[in-house]
C-alpha cells in the first residue's frame, strides 16, 4: 500500500505479455511512481495526486484506483464475508476522484477470478455489489453500457483486489471512432510496439503493413525526422488517411508493396509492424515466400544501426526467412492477442 498519505496505489491493466513494456513506460513517464506488484495483465504502482498525469500512459488499457486488498475463501459460502468486507468500506472518498458531483450514482462491478472456487466471477461481482448497496443504499446498480462508476474485483486464489476505474470507457481507443481494417491492432498494443522501439527524434520510421494506421498514429506522439505508413491495400490506406489526419509535415501514408518499397537503401532507422499472419489475412502456404521477400527488402532499406520490431505467430516461418537474410533476432515478448499467441521480435543487421 502507499508509503505516505500523499501517495495512492493505482492498478493499470495491460495486454498479457506486455507487462514489462508498460512498467518501463510507467517508470519513465512517471518518475515518482514505484512498482509494488505485477500480475498477468495487471500492474500495481504507487504515485502521487493529481492523477491526470497517468493518462499519458498509452500502452495500458485502463487505470484503476486501488481501494482495498483482502482475503476471500474458495467456497460459495465465503461470498457472505466478501459482501461484508466491501460493506465496511466508505467509497465516497474514492468516488470523488472520478466525479465531485455524485449524489446517487449508478455503478457496476466487474469481476475476474483465478483458481478453484465453487462460485463464478458473476457471483463474486453480485456479492460485491450487494456490499456496496449496504454501505451506500442510495446508490443504484447500473447497466454495463450505462453507469457512472465502474468497480473491479480481481480474485487470484484467495487474494482479492477491489478498485475503481479512473479512465473513461473509451480511453484505450483514444476517445474516438475509428475505421479498423482486418487484424488491426488496438491502440494500446500498437503503442507498446512503438515504445519498444525507443522512439528518437532522429528516427526515420516505417510501418510497411500499416493497415488502418494505428502504429503510425501512436508513433506521432513522439518527435521523428520522418514517419511513414504503407500498405498494398487501397482500402487500408483510405482508412488510415481518415483515421489519422497528418498535420506532421514529415508523416505520410503511401500505397506500396512491402516486397518492393520505393525507399532508398539504408534510409530507415526503425521498422515497426504487425506482420500478416493467420488465415484471415493470407493462406498459410503463401506466408513463407512473403516473409522471405519482405525481410530481404527490410535488409536493404534498414540503416546499419537500425532495427525492426515485428509481431507474428508464425515463428517458424519467420525463423526461416531470418536465416536467409542474416538478421540477428531476439524474441522480446509473447502476447495473448485475440486467441493467438504472437511473439514480438527485434531484428538487427548481423
Protein backbone atom coordinates (compact mmCIF):
# COMPACT_ATOMS: atom_id res chain seq x y z
CA UNK A 1 0.00 0.00 0.00
CA UNK A 2 1.11 3.65 -0.27
CA UNK A 3 4.08 4.68 1.89
CA UNK A 4 2.61 8.09 2.75
CA UNK A 5 -0.74 9.90 2.83
CA UNK A 6 0.34 11.72 -0.30
CA UNK A 7 0.53 8.51 -2.34
CA UNK A 8 -2.14 6.26 -3.81
CA UNK A 9 -1.88 2.80 -5.31
CA UNK A 10 -3.16 2.56 -8.87
CA UNK A 11 -3.79 -0.52 -10.97
CA UNK A 12 -3.02 -0.49 -14.69
CA UNK A 13 -4.39 -3.19 -16.95
CA UNK A 14 -2.37 -4.24 -19.98
CA UNK A 15 -2.46 -6.89 -22.68
CA UNK A 16 -0.97 -10.06 -21.13
CA UNK A 17 2.64 -10.34 -22.27
CA UNK A 18 3.29 -6.60 -22.33
CA UNK A 19 3.68 -6.09 -18.58
CA UNK A 20 7.43 -5.29 -18.79
CA UNK A 21 6.81 -2.75 -21.57
CA UNK A 22 4.13 -0.99 -19.53
CA UNK A 23 6.36 -0.98 -16.45
CA UNK A 24 9.11 0.72 -18.43
CA UNK A 25 6.66 3.34 -19.71
CA UNK A 26 5.26 3.94 -16.22
CA UNK A 27 8.64 4.40 -14.55
CA UNK A 28 9.95 6.56 -17.43
CA UNK A 29 6.98 8.89 -17.77
CA UNK A 30 6.10 8.98 -14.07
CA UNK A 31 9.48 9.26 -12.36
CA UNK A 32 7.89 9.43 -8.90
CA UNK A 33 5.98 6.19 -9.43
CA UNK A 34 7.09 2.93 -7.84
CA UNK A 35 6.00 -0.55 -8.89
CA UNK A 36 4.53 -2.53 -6.00
CA UNK A 37 3.02 -5.57 -7.71
CA UNK A 38 2.95 -7.32 -11.08
CA UNK A 39 0.35 -9.87 -12.15
CA UNK A 40 -0.63 -11.26 -15.53
CA UNK A 41 -2.23 -8.33 -17.34
CA UNK A 42 -2.11 -6.06 -14.26
CA UNK A 43 0.45 -3.73 -12.66
CA UNK A 44 0.15 -2.06 -9.26
CA UNK A 45 2.09 1.15 -8.74
CA UNK A 46 2.22 3.96 -6.22
CA UNK A 47 2.10 7.55 -7.38
CA UNK A 48 1.08 10.97 -6.15
CA UNK A 49 -2.02 13.06 -6.91
CA UNK A 50 -3.23 14.72 -9.01
CA UNK A 51 -3.61 11.68 -11.24
CA UNK A 52 -4.23 13.42 -14.56
CA UNK A 53 -0.63 12.69 -15.50
CA UNK A 54 -1.41 8.97 -15.67
CA UNK A 55 -3.36 9.49 -18.90
CA UNK A 56 -0.05 9.89 -20.73
CA UNK A 57 0.45 6.15 -20.26
CA UNK A 58 -0.51 4.85 -23.69
CA UNK A 59 0.40 1.17 -23.54
CA UNK A 60 -2.09 0.43 -20.74
CA UNK A 61 -5.76 -0.31 -21.37
CA UNK A 62 -7.24 1.25 -18.23
CA UNK A 63 -6.21 2.74 -14.90
CA UNK A 64 -7.96 1.99 -11.63
CA UNK A 65 -7.58 3.32 -8.09
CA UNK A 66 -6.96 0.50 -5.64
CA UNK A 67 -9.49 0.67 -2.81
CA UNK A 68 -8.81 -2.44 -0.76
CA UNK A 69 -6.87 -5.70 -0.69
CA UNK A 70 -8.38 -8.56 1.28
CA UNK A 71 -8.69 -12.33 1.51
CA UNK A 72 -11.63 -14.32 0.19
CA UNK A 73 -12.31 -18.02 0.56
CA UNK A 74 -12.90 -20.50 -2.28
CA UNK A 75 -16.40 -21.60 -1.34
CA UNK A 76 -19.73 -20.06 -2.24
CA UNK A 77 -20.46 -19.60 1.47
CA UNK A 78 -17.40 -17.30 1.63
CA UNK A 79 -19.16 -14.75 -0.54
CA UNK A 80 -21.06 -13.53 2.52
CA UNK A 81 -17.75 -12.45 4.03
CA UNK A 82 -16.79 -10.77 0.74
CA UNK A 83 -20.03 -8.81 0.84
CA UNK A 84 -19.42 -7.85 4.48
CA UNK A 85 -15.85 -6.70 3.73
CA UNK A 86 -16.98 -4.43 0.90
CA UNK A 87 -19.84 -3.08 3.04
CA UNK A 88 -17.30 -1.77 5.57
CA UNK A 89 -15.62 0.49 3.00
CA UNK A 90 -16.65 4.12 2.66
CA UNK A 91 -16.46 4.53 -1.12
CA UNK A 92 -17.30 8.23 -1.27
CA UNK A 93 -13.70 9.48 -0.94
CA UNK A 94 -12.71 7.26 -3.87
CA UNK A 95 -15.76 8.13 -5.98
CA UNK A 96 -14.91 11.83 -5.64
CA UNK A 97 -11.71 11.23 -7.61
CA UNK A 98 -13.92 10.26 -10.55
CA UNK A 99 -16.61 12.93 -10.09
CA UNK A 100 -17.29 15.53 -7.41
CA UNK A 101 -21.00 15.81 -8.26
CA UNK A 102 -22.21 12.30 -7.45
CA UNK A 103 -25.38 12.08 -5.35
CA UNK A 104 -26.99 8.75 -6.16
CA UNK A 105 -24.59 7.32 -8.75
CA UNK A 106 -25.20 4.28 -10.87
CA UNK A 107 -22.47 1.67 -10.64
CA UNK A 108 -21.42 -1.74 -11.92
CA UNK A 109 -18.95 -4.32 -10.63
CA UNK A 110 -16.85 -6.41 -12.99
CA UNK A 111 -15.01 -9.39 -11.56
CA UNK A 112 -12.33 -11.85 -12.59
CA UNK A 113 -11.10 -14.93 -10.79
CA UNK A 114 -8.17 -17.29 -10.96
CA UNK A 115 -8.14 -20.54 -9.02
CA UNK A 116 -10.57 -23.25 -7.98
CA UNK A 117 -13.70 -21.75 -6.48
CA UNK A 118 -17.22 -23.07 -6.13
CA UNK A 119 -18.63 -19.72 -7.28
CA UNK A 120 -18.44 -17.85 -10.58
CA UNK A 121 -16.98 -14.41 -11.22
CA UNK A 122 -20.58 -13.21 -11.66
CA UNK A 123 -21.43 -14.48 -8.16
CA UNK A 124 -18.43 -12.56 -6.80
CA UNK A 125 -19.46 -9.40 -8.63
CA UNK A 126 -23.02 -9.66 -7.29
CA UNK A 127 -21.74 -10.09 -3.73
CA UNK A 128 -19.51 -7.03 -4.03
CA UNK A 129 -22.42 -5.03 -5.45
CA UNK A 130 -24.59 -6.09 -2.52
CA UNK A 131 -21.88 -4.87 -0.15
CA UNK A 132 -21.77 -1.50 -1.92
CA UNK A 133 -25.54 -1.09 -1.55
CA UNK A 134 -25.41 -1.97 2.14
CA UNK A 135 -22.91 0.82 2.73
CA UNK A 136 -24.45 3.28 0.26
CA UNK A 137 -28.18 2.45 0.00
CA UNK A 138 -28.90 5.48 -2.21
CA UNK A 139 -26.59 4.21 -4.93
CA UNK A 140 -28.15 2.33 -7.86
CA UNK A 141 -26.93 -0.70 -9.79
CA UNK A 142 -26.48 0.33 -13.40
CA UNK A 143 -26.04 -1.46 -16.70
CA UNK A 144 -22.77 -2.47 -18.35
CA UNK A 145 -23.28 0.17 -21.04
CA UNK A 146 -24.75 2.85 -18.76
CA UNK A 147 -23.21 3.71 -15.40
CA UNK A 148 -21.22 6.41 -13.63
CA UNK A 149 -18.87 4.27 -11.55
CA UNK A 150 -17.18 1.01 -12.50
CA UNK A 151 -15.66 -1.14 -9.78
CA UNK A 152 -13.28 -4.01 -10.48
CA UNK A 153 -12.82 -7.11 -8.33
CA UNK A 154 -9.84 -9.34 -9.14
CA UNK A 155 -9.62 -12.61 -7.22
CA UNK A 156 -6.39 -14.58 -7.57
CA UNK A 157 -6.55 -17.74 -5.46
CA UNK A 158 -7.51 -16.22 -2.08
CA UNK A 159 -6.21 -12.69 -2.71
CA UNK A 160 -8.70 -10.03 -3.80
CA UNK A 161 -8.10 -6.58 -5.24
CA UNK A 162 -11.02 -4.15 -5.22
CA UNK A 163 -10.62 -0.99 -7.30
CA UNK A 164 -12.43 1.83 -9.09
CA UNK A 165 -11.85 2.73 -12.72
CA UNK A 166 -10.50 6.23 -13.27
CA UNK A 167 -10.18 6.22 -17.06
CA UNK A 168 -13.10 6.76 -19.41
CA UNK A 169 -14.69 3.80 -21.17
CA UNK A 170 -13.10 4.78 -24.47
CA UNK A 171 -9.64 5.52 -23.01
CA UNK A 172 -7.88 2.59 -24.69
CA UNK A 173 -9.43 3.54 -28.05
CA UNK A 174 -8.25 7.14 -27.71
CA UNK A 175 -11.74 8.54 -27.26
CA UNK A 176 -12.82 8.48 -30.87
CA UNK A 177 -14.44 6.31 -33.51
CA UNK A 178 -12.00 4.62 -35.85
CA UNK A 179 -12.16 2.59 -39.03
CA UNK A 180 -10.49 -0.73 -38.31
CA UNK A 181 -9.21 -2.94 -41.11
CA UNK A 182 -8.86 -6.70 -40.75
CA UNK A 183 -6.49 -7.75 -37.93
CA UNK A 184 -5.90 -4.15 -36.81
CA UNK A 185 -4.05 -3.67 -33.54
CA UNK A 186 -5.78 -1.81 -30.77
CA UNK A 187 -4.02 1.48 -30.00
CA UNK A 188 -2.56 0.39 -26.66
CA UNK A 189 -0.85 -2.64 -28.21
CA UNK A 190 0.42 -0.52 -31.10
CA UNK A 191 1.85 1.95 -28.63
CA UNK A 192 3.64 -0.82 -26.75
CA UNK A 193 5.39 -1.79 -30.00
CA UNK A 194 6.31 1.84 -30.63
CA UNK A 195 7.62 2.18 -27.08
CA UNK A 196 9.78 -0.95 -27.50
CA UNK A 197 11.43 0.70 -30.49
CA UNK A 198 12.78 3.51 -28.24
CA UNK A 199 11.42 6.49 -30.22
CA UNK A 200 14.06 9.10 -31.03
CA UNK A 201 13.75 12.49 -32.76
CA UNK A 202 16.17 11.36 -35.48
CA UNK A 203 14.07 8.30 -36.42
CA UNK A 204 13.04 7.61 -39.98
CA UNK A 205 10.08 5.38 -39.13
CA UNK A 206 8.17 2.99 -41.40
CA UNK A 207 5.25 0.62 -40.90
CA UNK A 208 5.08 -1.28 -44.22
CA UNK A 209 1.87 -3.15 -43.26
CA UNK A 210 0.12 -0.12 -41.78
CA UNK A 211 -3.48 -1.24 -42.25
CA UNK A 212 -5.73 1.42 -40.74
CA UNK A 213 -2.75 3.43 -39.46
CA UNK A 214 -2.71 2.67 -35.74
CA UNK A 215 1.06 2.26 -35.39
CA UNK A 216 1.70 5.47 -37.31
CA UNK A 217 -0.82 7.31 -35.14
CA UNK A 218 0.89 6.13 -31.96
CA UNK A 219 4.39 6.94 -33.28
CA UNK A 220 3.27 10.53 -33.96
CA UNK A 221 3.16 11.14 -30.20
CA UNK A 222 6.95 11.40 -30.26
CA UNK A 223 9.21 13.58 -32.45
CA UNK A 224 10.71 11.98 -35.56
CA UNK A 225 12.52 13.05 -38.70
CA UNK A 226 10.10 11.06 -40.85
CA UNK A 227 7.06 8.86 -40.23
CA UNK A 228 5.55 6.76 -42.99
CA UNK A 229 2.89 4.07 -43.20
CA UNK A 230 2.37 1.97 -46.29
CA UNK A 231 0.13 -0.88 -47.36
CA UNK A 232 -0.65 -2.69 -50.59
CA UNK A 233 -4.39 -2.32 -49.94
CA UNK A 234 -6.10 0.82 -51.20
CA UNK A 235 -8.89 0.19 -48.67
CA UNK A 236 -6.35 0.17 -45.84
CA UNK A 237 -4.68 3.39 -46.99
CA UNK A 238 -8.06 5.12 -47.29
CA UNK A 239 -8.95 4.03 -43.74
CA UNK A 240 -5.56 5.15 -42.44
CA UNK A 241 -5.90 8.59 -44.00
CA UNK A 242 -9.35 9.01 -42.48
CA UNK A 243 -8.25 7.76 -39.06
CA UNK A 244 -5.04 9.75 -38.85
CA UNK A 245 -5.06 13.32 -40.13
CA UNK A 246 -1.42 14.11 -40.74
CA UNK A 247 -0.53 17.67 -39.71
CA UNK A 248 3.02 16.42 -39.19
CA UNK A 249 4.92 17.61 -42.27
CA UNK A 250 7.19 14.57 -42.14
CA UNK A 251 4.37 11.99 -42.00
CA UNK A 252 2.57 10.28 -44.87
CA UNK A 253 0.62 7.20 -45.95
CA UNK A 254 1.53 5.52 -49.23
CA UNK A 255 0.15 2.60 -51.22
CA UNK A 256 3.30 0.46 -51.51
CA UNK A 257 4.10 -3.23 -51.80
CA UNK A 258 6.27 -4.22 -48.82
CA UNK A 259 8.25 -6.56 -51.10
CA UNK A 260 9.33 -3.67 -53.33
CA UNK A 261 9.48 -0.41 -51.44
CA UNK A 262 10.42 2.80 -53.27
CA UNK A 263 12.74 3.73 -50.43
CA UNK A 264 16.47 4.44 -50.56
CA UNK A 265 18.88 1.84 -49.23
CA UNK A 266 19.79 2.21 -45.56
CA UNK A 267 17.40 5.15 -45.17
CA UNK A 268 15.06 3.75 -42.48
CA UNK A 269 16.13 3.57 -38.83
CA UNK A 270 13.02 1.93 -37.33
CA UNK A 271 10.59 -0.50 -38.92
CA UNK A 272 7.69 -1.33 -36.59
CA UNK A 273 4.93 -3.53 -37.95
CA UNK A 274 2.27 -6.16 -37.43
CA UNK A 275 3.27 -8.80 -39.98
CA UNK A 276 0.43 -10.58 -41.81
CA UNK A 277 -0.39 -13.86 -40.09
CA UNK A 278 -3.39 -16.14 -39.78
CA UNK A 279 -5.70 -17.47 -42.46
CA UNK A 280 -7.88 -14.37 -42.22
CA UNK A 281 -5.04 -12.46 -43.91
CA UNK A 282 -3.26 -14.87 -46.23
CA UNK A 283 -3.27 -18.64 -46.77
CA UNK A 284 -0.57 -20.20 -44.59
CA UNK A 285 1.32 -21.65 -47.58
CA UNK A 286 1.84 -18.14 -49.00
CA UNK A 287 3.44 -16.65 -45.88
CA UNK A 288 6.82 -18.30 -46.33
CA UNK A 289 7.52 -16.58 -49.62
CA UNK A 290 6.09 -13.29 -48.40
CA UNK A 291 8.22 -13.23 -45.26
CA UNK A 292 11.38 -14.08 -47.20
CA UNK A 293 10.78 -11.32 -49.74
CA UNK A 294 9.80 -8.76 -47.12
CA UNK A 295 12.82 -9.41 -44.91
CA UNK A 296 15.14 -9.09 -47.89
CA UNK A 297 13.61 -5.68 -48.58
CA UNK A 298 13.90 -4.73 -44.90
CA UNK A 299 17.56 -5.71 -45.06
CA UNK A 300 18.08 -3.34 -47.97
CA UNK A 301 16.35 -0.26 -46.57
CA UNK A 302 17.36 -0.58 -42.91
CA UNK A 303 20.15 1.69 -41.68
CA UNK A 304 23.23 -0.03 -40.29
CA UNK A 305 22.24 0.84 -36.73
CA UNK A 306 18.50 0.42 -37.37
CA UNK A 307 16.08 -2.17 -36.03
CA UNK A 308 12.90 -3.98 -36.99
CA UNK A 309 10.17 -4.62 -34.40
CA UNK A 310 7.54 -7.04 -35.67
CA UNK A 311 4.88 -9.37 -34.28
CA UNK A 312 3.66 -12.66 -35.74
CA UNK A 313 2.51 -16.05 -34.53
CA UNK A 314 4.21 -17.74 -37.50
CA UNK A 315 7.51 -18.04 -35.66
CA UNK A 316 8.88 -20.98 -37.69
CA UNK A 317 8.11 -19.18 -40.95
CA UNK A 318 9.79 -16.04 -39.70
CA UNK A 319 12.83 -18.02 -38.48
CA UNK A 320 13.33 -19.49 -41.95
CA UNK A 321 13.11 -16.04 -43.51
CA UNK A 322 15.58 -14.67 -40.95
CA UNK A 323 18.03 -17.43 -41.81
CA UNK A 324 18.11 -16.31 -45.45
CA UNK A 325 18.86 -12.68 -44.57
CA UNK A 326 21.42 -12.95 -41.79
CA UNK A 327 19.43 -10.76 -39.41
CA UNK A 328 20.22 -11.13 -35.72
CA UNK A 329 16.98 -11.56 -33.84
CA UNK A 330 15.59 -11.61 -30.32
CA UNK A 331 12.13 -12.54 -29.06
CA UNK A 332 11.07 -9.75 -26.69
CA UNK A 333 7.60 -10.88 -25.57
CA UNK A 334 4.78 -13.34 -26.17
CA UNK A 335 1.37 -11.68 -26.36
CA UNK A 336 -2.11 -13.00 -25.72
CA UNK A 337 -3.97 -11.45 -28.63
CA UNK A 338 -7.43 -12.40 -29.91
CA UNK A 339 -7.00 -16.08 -29.15
CA UNK A 340 -3.47 -16.24 -30.59
CA UNK A 341 -0.01 -16.08 -29.02
CA UNK A 342 2.09 -13.94 -31.36
CA UNK A 343 5.62 -13.01 -30.43
CA UNK A 344 7.32 -9.63 -30.64
CA UNK A 345 10.72 -9.84 -32.33
CA UNK A 346 13.56 -7.38 -32.70
CA UNK A 347 15.75 -7.81 -35.82
CA UNK A 348 19.06 -6.09 -36.45
CA UNK A 349 21.83 -6.36 -39.02
CA UNK A 350 24.23 -9.21 -38.29
